[in-house]
ModelCIF file with pLDDT and N, C-alpha, C, O atoms, coordinates in Angstrom:
data_MODEL
#
_entry.id   MODEL 
#
_entity.id                         1 
_entity.type                       polymer 
_entity.pdbx_number_of_molecules   1 
#
_entity_poly.entity_id                      1 
_entity_poly.type                           'polypeptide(L)' 
_entity_poly.nstd_linkage                   no 
_entity_poly.nstd_monomer                   no 
_entity_poly.pdbx_seq_one_letter_code       
;(UNK)(UNK)(UNK)(UNK)(UNK)(UNK)(UNK)(UNK)(UNK)(UNK)(UNK)(UNK)(UNK)(UNK)(UNK)(UNK)
(UNK)(UNK)(UNK)(UNK)(UNK)(UNK)(UNK)(UNK)(UNK)(UNK)(UNK)(UNK)(UNK)(UNK)(UNK)(UNK)
(UNK)(UNK)(UNK)(UNK)(UNK)(UNK)(UNK)(UNK)(UNK)(UNK)(UNK)(UNK)(UNK)(UNK)
;
_entity_poly.pdbx_seq_one_letter_code_can   XXXXXXXXXXXXXXXXXXXXXXXXXXXXXXXXXXXXXXXXXXXXXX 
_entity_poly.pdbx_strand_id                 A 
#
loop_
_entity_poly_seq.entity_id 
_entity_poly_seq.num 
_entity_poly_seq.mon_id 
_entity_poly_seq.hetero 
1 1  UNK n 
1 2  UNK n 
1 3  UNK n 
1 4  UNK n 
1 5  UNK n 
1 6  UNK n 
1 7  UNK n 
1 8  UNK n 
1 9  UNK n 
1 10 UNK n 
1 11 UNK n 
1 12 UNK n 
1 13 UNK n 
1 14 UNK n 
1 15 UNK n 
1 16 UNK n 
1 17 UNK n 
1 18 UNK n 
1 19 UNK n 
1 20 UNK n 
1 21 UNK n 
1 22 UNK n 
1 23 UNK n 
1 24 UNK n 
1 25 UNK n 
1 26 UNK n 
1 27 UNK n 
1 28 UNK n 
1 29 UNK n 
1 30 UNK n 
1 31 UNK n 
1 32 UNK n 
1 33 UNK n 
1 34 UNK n 
1 35 UNK n 
1 36 UNK n 
1 37 UNK n 
1 38 UNK n 
1 39 UNK n 
1 40 UNK n 
1 41 UNK n 
1 42 UNK n 
1 43 UNK n 
1 44 UNK n 
1 45 UNK n 
1 46 UNK n 
#
_struct_asym.id          A 
_struct_asym.entity_id   1 
#
loop_
_ma_qa_metric.id 
_ma_qa_metric.mode 
_ma_qa_metric.name 
_ma_qa_metric.software_group_id 
_ma_qa_metric.type 
1 global pLDDT . pLDDT 
2 local  pLDDT . pLDDT 
#
_ma_qa_metric_global.metric_id      1 
_ma_qa_metric_global.metric_value   85.61 
_ma_qa_metric_global.model_id       1 
_ma_qa_metric_global.ordinal_id     1 
#
loop_
_ma_qa_metric_local.label_asym_id 
_ma_qa_metric_local.label_comp_id 
_ma_qa_metric_local.label_seq_id 
_ma_qa_metric_local.metric_id 
_ma_qa_metric_local.metric_value 
_ma_qa_metric_local.model_id 
_ma_qa_metric_local.ordinal_id 
A UNK 1  2 67.00 1 1  
A UNK 2  2 73.00 1 2  
A UNK 3  2 77.00 1 3  
A UNK 4  2 81.00 1 4  
A UNK 5  2 85.00 1 5  
A UNK 6  2 86.00 1 6  
A UNK 7  2 86.00 1 7  
A UNK 8  2 86.00 1 8  
A UNK 9  2 87.00 1 9  
A UNK 10 2 87.00 1 10 
A UNK 11 2 83.00 1 11 
A UNK 12 2 86.00 1 12 
A UNK 13 2 89.00 1 13 
A UNK 14 2 91.00 1 14 
A UNK 15 2 91.00 1 15 
A UNK 16 2 91.00 1 16 
A UNK 17 2 90.00 1 17 
A UNK 18 2 89.00 1 18 
A UNK 19 2 89.00 1 19 
A UNK 20 2 88.00 1 20 
A UNK 21 2 87.00 1 21 
A UNK 22 2 87.00 1 22 
A UNK 23 2 84.00 1 23 
A UNK 24 2 84.00 1 24 
A UNK 25 2 87.00 1 25 
A UNK 26 2 88.00 1 26 
A UNK 27 2 88.00 1 27 
A UNK 28 2 90.00 1 28 
A UNK 29 2 92.00 1 29 
A UNK 30 2 92.00 1 30 
A UNK 31 2 91.00 1 31 
A UNK 32 2 90.00 1 32 
A UNK 33 2 91.00 1 33 
A UNK 34 2 89.00 1 34 
A UNK 35 2 89.00 1 35 
A UNK 36 2 89.00 1 36 
A UNK 37 2 87.00 1 37 
A UNK 38 2 84.00 1 38 
A UNK 39 2 85.00 1 39 
A UNK 40 2 80.00 1 40 
A UNK 41 2 79.00 1 41 
A UNK 42 2 77.00 1 42 
A UNK 43 2 79.00 1 43 
A UNK 44 2 82.00 1 44 
A UNK 45 2 82.00 1 45 
A UNK 46 2 83.00 1 46 
#
loop_
_atom_site.group_PDB 
_atom_site.id 
_atom_site.type_symbol 
_atom_site.label_atom_id 
_atom_site.label_alt_id 
_atom_site.label_comp_id 
_atom_site.label_asym_id 
_atom_site.label_entity_id 
_atom_site.label_seq_id 
_atom_site.pdbx_PDB_ins_code 
_atom_site.Cartn_x 
_atom_site.Cartn_y 
_atom_site.Cartn_z 
_atom_site.occupancy 
_atom_site.B_iso_or_equiv 
_atom_site.pdbx_formal_charge 
_atom_site.auth_seq_id 
_atom_site.auth_comp_id 
_atom_site.auth_asym_id 
_atom_site.auth_atom_id 
_atom_site.pdbx_PDB_model_num 
ATOM 1   N N  . UNK A 1 1  ? 3.073   17.373 12.529  1.00 67.00 ? 1  UNK A N  1 
ATOM 2   C CA . UNK A 1 1  ? 3.236   17.528 11.685  1.00 67.00 ? 1  UNK A CA 1 
ATOM 3   C C  . UNK A 1 1  ? 3.869   16.870 10.648  1.00 67.00 ? 1  UNK A C  1 
ATOM 4   O O  . UNK A 1 1  ? 4.666   17.206 9.771   1.00 67.00 ? 1  UNK A O  1 
ATOM 5   N N  . UNK A 1 2  ? 3.135   15.517 11.072  1.00 73.00 ? 2  UNK A N  1 
ATOM 6   C CA . UNK A 1 2  ? 4.474   15.605 10.300  1.00 73.00 ? 2  UNK A CA 1 
ATOM 7   C C  . UNK A 1 2  ? 4.295   13.391 10.660  1.00 73.00 ? 2  UNK A C  1 
ATOM 8   O O  . UNK A 1 2  ? 4.186   12.825 11.748  1.00 73.00 ? 2  UNK A O  1 
ATOM 9   N N  . UNK A 1 3  ? 4.336   12.853 9.431   1.00 77.00 ? 3  UNK A N  1 
ATOM 10  C CA . UNK A 1 3  ? 4.505   11.540 10.446  1.00 77.00 ? 3  UNK A CA 1 
ATOM 11  C C  . UNK A 1 3  ? 5.792   10.736 9.384   1.00 77.00 ? 3  UNK A C  1 
ATOM 12  O O  . UNK A 1 3  ? 6.361   11.234 8.413   1.00 77.00 ? 3  UNK A O  1 
ATOM 13  N N  . UNK A 1 4  ? 6.025   8.977  10.141  1.00 81.00 ? 4  UNK A N  1 
ATOM 14  C CA . UNK A 1 4  ? 6.991   8.966  9.466   1.00 81.00 ? 4  UNK A CA 1 
ATOM 15  C C  . UNK A 1 4  ? 6.462   7.201  8.984   1.00 81.00 ? 4  UNK A C  1 
ATOM 16  O O  . UNK A 1 4  ? 5.781   6.563  9.788   1.00 81.00 ? 4  UNK A O  1 
ATOM 17  N N  . UNK A 1 5  ? 6.889   6.540  7.554   1.00 85.00 ? 5  UNK A N  1 
ATOM 18  C CA . UNK A 1 5  ? 6.018   5.690  7.314   1.00 85.00 ? 5  UNK A CA 1 
ATOM 19  C C  . UNK A 1 5  ? 7.143   4.836  6.535   1.00 85.00 ? 5  UNK A C  1 
ATOM 20  O O  . UNK A 1 5  ? 8.224   5.352  6.252   1.00 85.00 ? 5  UNK A O  1 
ATOM 21  N N  . UNK A 1 6  ? 6.872   3.676  6.246   1.00 86.00 ? 6  UNK A N  1 
ATOM 22  C CA . UNK A 1 6  ? 7.769   2.484  5.390   1.00 86.00 ? 6  UNK A CA 1 
ATOM 23  C C  . UNK A 1 6  ? 7.170   2.243  4.842   1.00 86.00 ? 6  UNK A C  1 
ATOM 24  O O  . UNK A 1 6  ? 6.159   1.636  5.196   1.00 86.00 ? 6  UNK A O  1 
ATOM 25  N N  . UNK A 1 7  ? 7.609   2.801  2.806   1.00 86.00 ? 7  UNK A N  1 
ATOM 26  C CA . UNK A 1 7  ? 7.487   2.479  1.456   1.00 86.00 ? 7  UNK A CA 1 
ATOM 27  C C  . UNK A 1 7  ? 7.618   1.883  0.925   1.00 86.00 ? 7  UNK A C  1 
ATOM 28  O O  . UNK A 1 7  ? 8.254   2.358  -0.016  1.00 86.00 ? 7  UNK A O  1 
ATOM 29  N N  . UNK A 1 8  ? 7.390   0.659  0.756   1.00 86.00 ? 8  UNK A N  1 
ATOM 30  C CA . UNK A 1 8  ? 8.101   0.077  -0.453  1.00 86.00 ? 8  UNK A CA 1 
ATOM 31  C C  . UNK A 1 8  ? 6.500   -0.754 -1.955  1.00 86.00 ? 8  UNK A C  1 
ATOM 32  O O  . UNK A 1 8  ? 5.274   -0.690 -2.041  1.00 86.00 ? 8  UNK A O  1 
ATOM 33  N N  . UNK A 1 9  ? 7.575   -1.363 -2.716  1.00 87.00 ? 9  UNK A N  1 
ATOM 34  C CA . UNK A 1 9  ? 6.757   -1.898 -3.422  1.00 87.00 ? 9  UNK A CA 1 
ATOM 35  C C  . UNK A 1 9  ? 6.457   -2.958 -3.372  1.00 87.00 ? 9  UNK A C  1 
ATOM 36  O O  . UNK A 1 9  ? 7.137   -3.767 -2.742  1.00 87.00 ? 9  UNK A O  1 
ATOM 37  N N  . UNK A 1 10 ? 4.809   -3.465 -4.326  1.00 87.00 ? 10 UNK A N  1 
ATOM 38  C CA . UNK A 1 10 ? 5.149   -4.758 -4.453  1.00 87.00 ? 10 UNK A CA 1 
ATOM 39  C C  . UNK A 1 10 ? 5.852   -5.996 -5.080  1.00 87.00 ? 10 UNK A C  1 
ATOM 40  O O  . UNK A 1 10 ? 5.227   -6.115 -6.133  1.00 87.00 ? 10 UNK A O  1 
ATOM 41  N N  . UNK A 1 11 ? 6.817   -7.027 -5.058  1.00 83.00 ? 11 UNK A N  1 
ATOM 42  C CA . UNK A 1 11 ? 7.167   -7.672 -5.315  1.00 83.00 ? 11 UNK A CA 1 
ATOM 43  C C  . UNK A 1 11 ? 6.588   -8.777 -6.351  1.00 83.00 ? 11 UNK A C  1 
ATOM 44  O O  . UNK A 1 11 ? 7.266   -9.486 -7.094  1.00 83.00 ? 11 UNK A O  1 
ATOM 45  N N  . UNK A 1 12 ? 5.060   -8.758 -6.216  1.00 86.00 ? 12 UNK A N  1 
ATOM 46  C CA . UNK A 1 12 ? 4.637   -9.238 -7.581  1.00 86.00 ? 12 UNK A CA 1 
ATOM 47  C C  . UNK A 1 12 ? 3.894   -8.064 -7.725  1.00 86.00 ? 12 UNK A C  1 
ATOM 48  O O  . UNK A 1 12 ? 3.881   -7.020 -7.072  1.00 86.00 ? 12 UNK A O  1 
ATOM 49  N N  . UNK A 1 13 ? 2.828   -8.717 -9.426  1.00 89.00 ? 13 UNK A N  1 
ATOM 50  C CA . UNK A 1 13 ? 2.839   -7.592 -10.582 1.00 89.00 ? 13 UNK A CA 1 
ATOM 51  C C  . UNK A 1 13 ? 1.079   -8.309 -10.530 1.00 89.00 ? 13 UNK A C  1 
ATOM 52  O O  . UNK A 1 13 ? 0.823   -9.513 -10.560 1.00 89.00 ? 13 UNK A O  1 
ATOM 53  N N  . UNK A 1 14 ? 0.330   -7.475 -10.469 1.00 91.00 ? 14 UNK A N  1 
ATOM 54  C CA . UNK A 1 14 ? -1.686  -8.090 -9.881  1.00 91.00 ? 14 UNK A CA 1 
ATOM 55  C C  . UNK A 1 14 ? -2.215  -8.432 -10.773 1.00 91.00 ? 14 UNK A C  1 
ATOM 56  O O  . UNK A 1 14 ? -3.025  -7.517 -10.920 1.00 91.00 ? 14 UNK A O  1 
ATOM 57  N N  . UNK A 1 15 ? -2.232  -8.498 -10.848 1.00 91.00 ? 15 UNK A N  1 
ATOM 58  C CA . UNK A 1 15 ? -3.770  -8.914 -12.664 1.00 91.00 ? 15 UNK A CA 1 
ATOM 59  C C  . UNK A 1 15 ? -5.297  -7.655 -11.772 1.00 91.00 ? 15 UNK A C  1 
ATOM 60  O O  . UNK A 1 15 ? -5.492  -7.304 -10.608 1.00 91.00 ? 15 UNK A O  1 
ATOM 61  N N  . UNK A 1 16 ? -5.958  -7.396 -12.967 1.00 91.00 ? 16 UNK A N  1 
ATOM 62  C CA . UNK A 1 16 ? -7.061  -6.583 -12.905 1.00 91.00 ? 16 UNK A CA 1 
ATOM 63  C C  . UNK A 1 16 ? -8.175  -7.043 -12.082 1.00 91.00 ? 16 UNK A C  1 
ATOM 64  O O  . UNK A 1 16 ? -9.025  -6.289 -11.607 1.00 91.00 ? 16 UNK A O  1 
ATOM 65  N N  . UNK A 1 17 ? -8.130  -8.665 -11.888 1.00 90.00 ? 17 UNK A N  1 
ATOM 66  C CA . UNK A 1 17 ? -9.595  -9.013 -11.584 1.00 90.00 ? 17 UNK A CA 1 
ATOM 67  C C  . UNK A 1 17 ? -8.669  -9.441 -9.833  1.00 90.00 ? 17 UNK A C  1 
ATOM 68  O O  . UNK A 1 17 ? -9.234  -9.736 -8.780  1.00 90.00 ? 17 UNK A O  1 
ATOM 69  N N  . UNK A 1 18 ? -7.172  -9.325 -10.079 1.00 89.00 ? 18 UNK A N  1 
ATOM 70  C CA . UNK A 1 18 ? -7.150  -9.238 -8.138  1.00 89.00 ? 18 UNK A CA 1 
ATOM 71  C C  . UNK A 1 18 ? -6.836  -8.194 -8.022  1.00 89.00 ? 18 UNK A C  1 
ATOM 72  O O  . UNK A 1 18 ? -6.464  -7.915 -6.882  1.00 89.00 ? 18 UNK A O  1 
ATOM 73  N N  . UNK A 1 19 ? -6.807  -7.384 -8.760  1.00 89.00 ? 19 UNK A N  1 
ATOM 74  C CA . UNK A 1 19 ? -7.646  -5.325 -8.462  1.00 89.00 ? 19 UNK A CA 1 
ATOM 75  C C  . UNK A 1 19 ? -8.890  -5.260 -7.107  1.00 89.00 ? 19 UNK A C  1 
ATOM 76  O O  . UNK A 1 19 ? -9.173  -5.038 -5.930  1.00 89.00 ? 19 UNK A O  1 
ATOM 77  N N  . UNK A 1 20 ? -9.396  -5.787 -8.876  1.00 88.00 ? 20 UNK A N  1 
ATOM 78  C CA . UNK A 1 20 ? -11.163 -5.615 -8.965  1.00 88.00 ? 20 UNK A CA 1 
ATOM 79  C C  . UNK A 1 20 ? -11.118 -6.009 -7.004  1.00 88.00 ? 20 UNK A C  1 
ATOM 80  O O  . UNK A 1 20 ? -11.025 -5.268 -6.025  1.00 88.00 ? 20 UNK A O  1 
ATOM 81  N N  . UNK A 1 21 ? -11.275 -7.988 -7.205  1.00 87.00 ? 21 UNK A N  1 
ATOM 82  C CA . UNK A 1 21 ? -11.444 -8.027 -6.046  1.00 87.00 ? 21 UNK A CA 1 
ATOM 83  C C  . UNK A 1 21 ? -10.536 -7.522 -4.520  1.00 87.00 ? 21 UNK A C  1 
ATOM 84  O O  . UNK A 1 21 ? -11.047 -7.812 -3.438  1.00 87.00 ? 21 UNK A O  1 
ATOM 85  N N  . UNK A 1 22 ? -10.156 -7.310 -4.531  1.00 87.00 ? 22 UNK A N  1 
ATOM 86  C CA . UNK A 1 22 ? -8.963  -6.743 -3.943  1.00 87.00 ? 22 UNK A CA 1 
ATOM 87  C C  . UNK A 1 22 ? -9.684  -5.596 -2.415  1.00 87.00 ? 22 UNK A C  1 
ATOM 88  O O  . UNK A 1 22 ? -10.027 -5.612 -1.233  1.00 87.00 ? 22 UNK A O  1 
ATOM 89  N N  . UNK A 1 23 ? -9.470  -4.441 -4.075  1.00 84.00 ? 23 UNK A N  1 
ATOM 90  C CA . UNK A 1 23 ? -10.346 -2.607 -4.098  1.00 84.00 ? 23 UNK A CA 1 
ATOM 91  C C  . UNK A 1 23 ? -11.375 -2.168 -3.766  1.00 84.00 ? 23 UNK A C  1 
ATOM 92  O O  . UNK A 1 23 ? -11.815 -1.231 -3.100  1.00 84.00 ? 23 UNK A O  1 
ATOM 93  N N  . UNK A 1 24 ? -12.000 -3.689 -4.813  1.00 84.00 ? 24 UNK A N  1 
ATOM 94  C CA . UNK A 1 24 ? -13.931 -3.008 -5.535  1.00 84.00 ? 24 UNK A CA 1 
ATOM 95  C C  . UNK A 1 24 ? -13.888 -1.566 -6.973  1.00 84.00 ? 24 UNK A C  1 
ATOM 96  O O  . UNK A 1 24 ? -14.687 -0.898 -7.630  1.00 84.00 ? 24 UNK A O  1 
ATOM 97  N N  . UNK A 1 25 ? -12.954 -1.678 -6.873  1.00 87.00 ? 25 UNK A N  1 
ATOM 98  C CA . UNK A 1 25 ? -12.400 -0.887 -8.251  1.00 87.00 ? 25 UNK A CA 1 
ATOM 99  C C  . UNK A 1 25 ? -11.853 -1.324 -9.667  1.00 87.00 ? 25 UNK A C  1 
ATOM 100 O O  . UNK A 1 25 ? -10.688 -1.362 -10.064 1.00 87.00 ? 25 UNK A O  1 
ATOM 101 N N  . UNK A 1 26 ? -13.306 -1.717 -10.462 1.00 88.00 ? 26 UNK A N  1 
ATOM 102 C CA . UNK A 1 26 ? -12.828 -2.465 -12.610 1.00 88.00 ? 26 UNK A CA 1 
ATOM 103 C C  . UNK A 1 26 ? -11.973 -1.223 -12.455 1.00 88.00 ? 26 UNK A C  1 
ATOM 104 O O  . UNK A 1 26 ? -11.833 -0.172 -11.829 1.00 88.00 ? 26 UNK A O  1 
ATOM 105 N N  . UNK A 1 27 ? -11.213 -2.434 -13.961 1.00 88.00 ? 27 UNK A N  1 
ATOM 106 C CA . UNK A 1 27 ? -10.691 -1.232 -15.238 1.00 88.00 ? 27 UNK A CA 1 
ATOM 107 C C  . UNK A 1 27 ? -9.001  -1.237 -14.282 1.00 88.00 ? 27 UNK A C  1 
ATOM 108 O O  . UNK A 1 27 ? -8.120  -0.505 -14.732 1.00 88.00 ? 27 UNK A O  1 
ATOM 109 N N  . UNK A 1 28 ? -8.820  -1.742 -13.528 1.00 90.00 ? 28 UNK A N  1 
ATOM 110 C CA . UNK A 1 28 ? -6.869  -1.076 -13.087 1.00 90.00 ? 28 UNK A CA 1 
ATOM 111 C C  . UNK A 1 28 ? -6.126  -2.037 -14.047 1.00 90.00 ? 28 UNK A C  1 
ATOM 112 O O  . UNK A 1 28 ? -6.165  -3.249 -13.833 1.00 90.00 ? 28 UNK A O  1 
ATOM 113 N N  . UNK A 1 29 ? -5.518  -1.574 -14.995 1.00 92.00 ? 29 UNK A N  1 
ATOM 114 C CA . UNK A 1 29 ? -4.150  -2.049 -15.355 1.00 92.00 ? 29 UNK A CA 1 
ATOM 115 C C  . UNK A 1 29 ? -3.238  -3.350 -14.539 1.00 92.00 ? 29 UNK A C  1 
ATOM 116 O O  . UNK A 1 29 ? -2.921  -3.303 -13.351 1.00 92.00 ? 29 UNK A O  1 
ATOM 117 N N  . UNK A 1 30 ? -3.016  -4.132 -15.185 1.00 92.00 ? 30 UNK A N  1 
ATOM 118 C CA . UNK A 1 30 ? -1.680  -5.515 -14.210 1.00 92.00 ? 30 UNK A CA 1 
ATOM 119 C C  . UNK A 1 30 ? -0.616  -4.038 -13.986 1.00 92.00 ? 30 UNK A C  1 
ATOM 120 O O  . UNK A 1 30 ? -0.144  -3.284 -14.836 1.00 92.00 ? 30 UNK A O  1 
ATOM 121 N N  . UNK A 1 31 ? -0.483  -4.028 -12.286 1.00 91.00 ? 31 UNK A N  1 
ATOM 122 C CA . UNK A 1 31 ? 0.602   -3.926 -11.753 1.00 91.00 ? 31 UNK A CA 1 
ATOM 123 C C  . UNK A 1 31 ? 1.224   -3.461 -10.871 1.00 91.00 ? 31 UNK A C  1 
ATOM 124 O O  . UNK A 1 31 ? 0.693   -2.365 -10.697 1.00 91.00 ? 31 UNK A O  1 
ATOM 125 N N  . UNK A 1 32 ? 1.931   -3.552 -10.254 1.00 90.00 ? 32 UNK A N  1 
ATOM 126 C CA . UNK A 1 32 ? 2.414   -3.630 -8.899  1.00 90.00 ? 32 UNK A CA 1 
ATOM 127 C C  . UNK A 1 32 ? 1.810   -2.561 -7.912  1.00 90.00 ? 32 UNK A C  1 
ATOM 128 O O  . UNK A 1 32 ? 1.152   -1.624 -8.364  1.00 90.00 ? 32 UNK A O  1 
ATOM 129 N N  . UNK A 1 33 ? 2.029   -2.700 -6.611  1.00 91.00 ? 33 UNK A N  1 
ATOM 130 C CA . UNK A 1 33 ? 1.272   -1.446 -5.588  1.00 91.00 ? 33 UNK A CA 1 
ATOM 131 C C  . UNK A 1 33 ? 2.343   -1.180 -4.476  1.00 91.00 ? 33 UNK A C  1 
ATOM 132 O O  . UNK A 1 33 ? 3.167   -1.965 -4.006  1.00 91.00 ? 33 UNK A O  1 
ATOM 133 N N  . UNK A 1 34 ? 2.190   -0.305 -4.281  1.00 89.00 ? 34 UNK A N  1 
ATOM 134 C CA . UNK A 1 34 ? 2.724   1.158  -3.094  1.00 89.00 ? 34 UNK A CA 1 
ATOM 135 C C  . UNK A 1 34 ? 2.381   0.718  -1.932  1.00 89.00 ? 34 UNK A C  1 
ATOM 136 O O  . UNK A 1 34 ? 1.168   0.516  -1.877  1.00 89.00 ? 34 UNK A O  1 
ATOM 137 N N  . UNK A 1 35 ? 3.003   0.456  -0.864  1.00 89.00 ? 35 UNK A N  1 
ATOM 138 C CA . UNK A 1 35 ? 2.401   0.103  0.706   1.00 89.00 ? 35 UNK A CA 1 
ATOM 139 C C  . UNK A 1 35 ? 3.489   0.988  1.387   1.00 89.00 ? 35 UNK A C  1 
ATOM 140 O O  . UNK A 1 35 ? 4.678   1.184  1.138   1.00 89.00 ? 35 UNK A O  1 
ATOM 141 N N  . UNK A 1 36 ? 2.462   1.538  2.530   1.00 89.00 ? 36 UNK A N  1 
ATOM 142 C CA . UNK A 1 36 ? 2.615   2.541  3.260   1.00 89.00 ? 36 UNK A CA 1 
ATOM 143 C C  . UNK A 1 36 ? 2.233   2.339  4.317   1.00 89.00 ? 36 UNK A C  1 
ATOM 144 O O  . UNK A 1 36 ? 1.040   2.544  4.538   1.00 89.00 ? 36 UNK A O  1 
ATOM 145 N N  . UNK A 1 37 ? 3.214   1.794  5.520   1.00 87.00 ? 37 UNK A N  1 
ATOM 146 C CA . UNK A 1 37 ? 2.969   1.813  6.347   1.00 87.00 ? 37 UNK A CA 1 
ATOM 147 C C  . UNK A 1 37 ? 3.570   2.393  7.568   1.00 87.00 ? 37 UNK A C  1 
ATOM 148 O O  . UNK A 1 37 ? 4.693   2.896  7.603   1.00 87.00 ? 37 UNK A O  1 
ATOM 149 N N  . UNK A 1 38 ? 2.406   2.252  9.000   1.00 84.00 ? 38 UNK A N  1 
ATOM 150 C CA . UNK A 1 38 ? 2.469   3.618  9.784   1.00 84.00 ? 38 UNK A CA 1 
ATOM 151 C C  . UNK A 1 38 ? 4.064   3.665  10.679  1.00 84.00 ? 38 UNK A C  1 
ATOM 152 O O  . UNK A 1 38 ? 4.195   2.488  11.017  1.00 84.00 ? 38 UNK A O  1 
ATOM 153 N N  . UNK A 1 39 ? 5.074   4.294  11.110  1.00 85.00 ? 39 UNK A N  1 
ATOM 154 C CA . UNK A 1 39 ? 5.960   3.549  12.344  1.00 85.00 ? 39 UNK A CA 1 
ATOM 155 C C  . UNK A 1 39 ? 5.754   3.962  12.989  1.00 85.00 ? 39 UNK A C  1 
ATOM 156 O O  . UNK A 1 39 ? 6.442   4.983  13.004  1.00 85.00 ? 39 UNK A O  1 
ATOM 157 N N  . UNK A 1 40 ? 4.990   3.919  13.961  1.00 80.00 ? 40 UNK A N  1 
ATOM 158 C CA . UNK A 1 40 ? 3.986   4.928  15.090  1.00 80.00 ? 40 UNK A CA 1 
ATOM 159 C C  . UNK A 1 40 ? 5.091   5.062  16.436  1.00 80.00 ? 40 UNK A C  1 
ATOM 160 O O  . UNK A 1 40 ? 5.334   4.181  17.261  1.00 80.00 ? 40 UNK A O  1 
ATOM 161 N N  . UNK A 1 41 ? 5.615   6.326  16.376  1.00 79.00 ? 41 UNK A N  1 
ATOM 162 C CA . UNK A 1 41 ? 6.711   6.995  17.244  1.00 79.00 ? 41 UNK A CA 1 
ATOM 163 C C  . UNK A 1 41 ? 5.954   7.272  18.923  1.00 79.00 ? 41 UNK A C  1 
ATOM 164 O O  . UNK A 1 41 ? 6.155   6.679  19.983  1.00 79.00 ? 41 UNK A O  1 
ATOM 165 N N  . UNK A 1 42 ? 5.147   8.288  18.624  1.00 77.00 ? 42 UNK A N  1 
ATOM 166 C CA . UNK A 1 42 ? 4.449   8.123  19.778  1.00 77.00 ? 42 UNK A CA 1 
ATOM 167 C C  . UNK A 1 42 ? 4.316   7.698  21.116  1.00 77.00 ? 42 UNK A C  1 
ATOM 168 O O  . UNK A 1 42 ? 3.976   8.383  22.081  1.00 77.00 ? 42 UNK A O  1 
ATOM 169 N N  . UNK A 1 43 ? 4.564   6.716  21.089  1.00 79.00 ? 43 UNK A N  1 
ATOM 170 C CA . UNK A 1 43 ? 4.682   5.404  21.676  1.00 79.00 ? 43 UNK A CA 1 
ATOM 171 C C  . UNK A 1 43 ? 6.146   5.661  22.296  1.00 79.00 ? 43 UNK A C  1 
ATOM 172 O O  . UNK A 1 43 ? 6.268   5.728  23.519  1.00 79.00 ? 43 UNK A O  1 
ATOM 173 N N  . UNK A 1 44 ? 7.184   5.797  21.497  1.00 82.00 ? 44 UNK A N  1 
ATOM 174 C CA . UNK A 1 44 ? 8.623   5.848  21.793  1.00 82.00 ? 44 UNK A CA 1 
ATOM 175 C C  . UNK A 1 44 ? 9.109   6.972  22.646  1.00 82.00 ? 44 UNK A C  1 
ATOM 176 O O  . UNK A 1 44 ? 9.844   6.999  23.633  1.00 82.00 ? 44 UNK A O  1 
ATOM 177 N N  . UNK A 1 45 ? 8.271   8.190  21.749  1.00 82.00 ? 45 UNK A N  1 
ATOM 178 C CA . UNK A 1 45 ? 8.301   8.898  22.490  1.00 82.00 ? 45 UNK A CA 1 
ATOM 179 C C  . UNK A 1 45 ? 7.748   9.811  24.206  1.00 82.00 ? 45 UNK A C  1 
ATOM 180 O O  . UNK A 1 45 ? 8.485   10.364 25.022  1.00 82.00 ? 45 UNK A O  1 
ATOM 181 N N  . UNK A 1 46 ? 5.839   9.610  24.251  1.00 83.00 ? 46 UNK A N  1 
ATOM 182 C CA . UNK A 1 46 ? 6.063   9.198  25.544  1.00 83.00 ? 46 UNK A CA 1 
ATOM 183 C C  . UNK A 1 46 ? 6.461   7.912  26.433  1.00 83.00 ? 46 UNK A C  1 
ATOM 184 O O  . UNK A 1 46 ? 6.553   8.012  27.657  1.00 83.00 ? 46 UNK A O  1 
#
């Protein structure tokens, strides 16, 4: 009932057009994004 992630904020600020190209969602303001990558400990435990 728990997951461990590595989380960080992107160094670059992306434009609305770039974000639409990336996600297909229009109208997003220019911004930095948050990235969560899963730390898979299942293999270590097994």
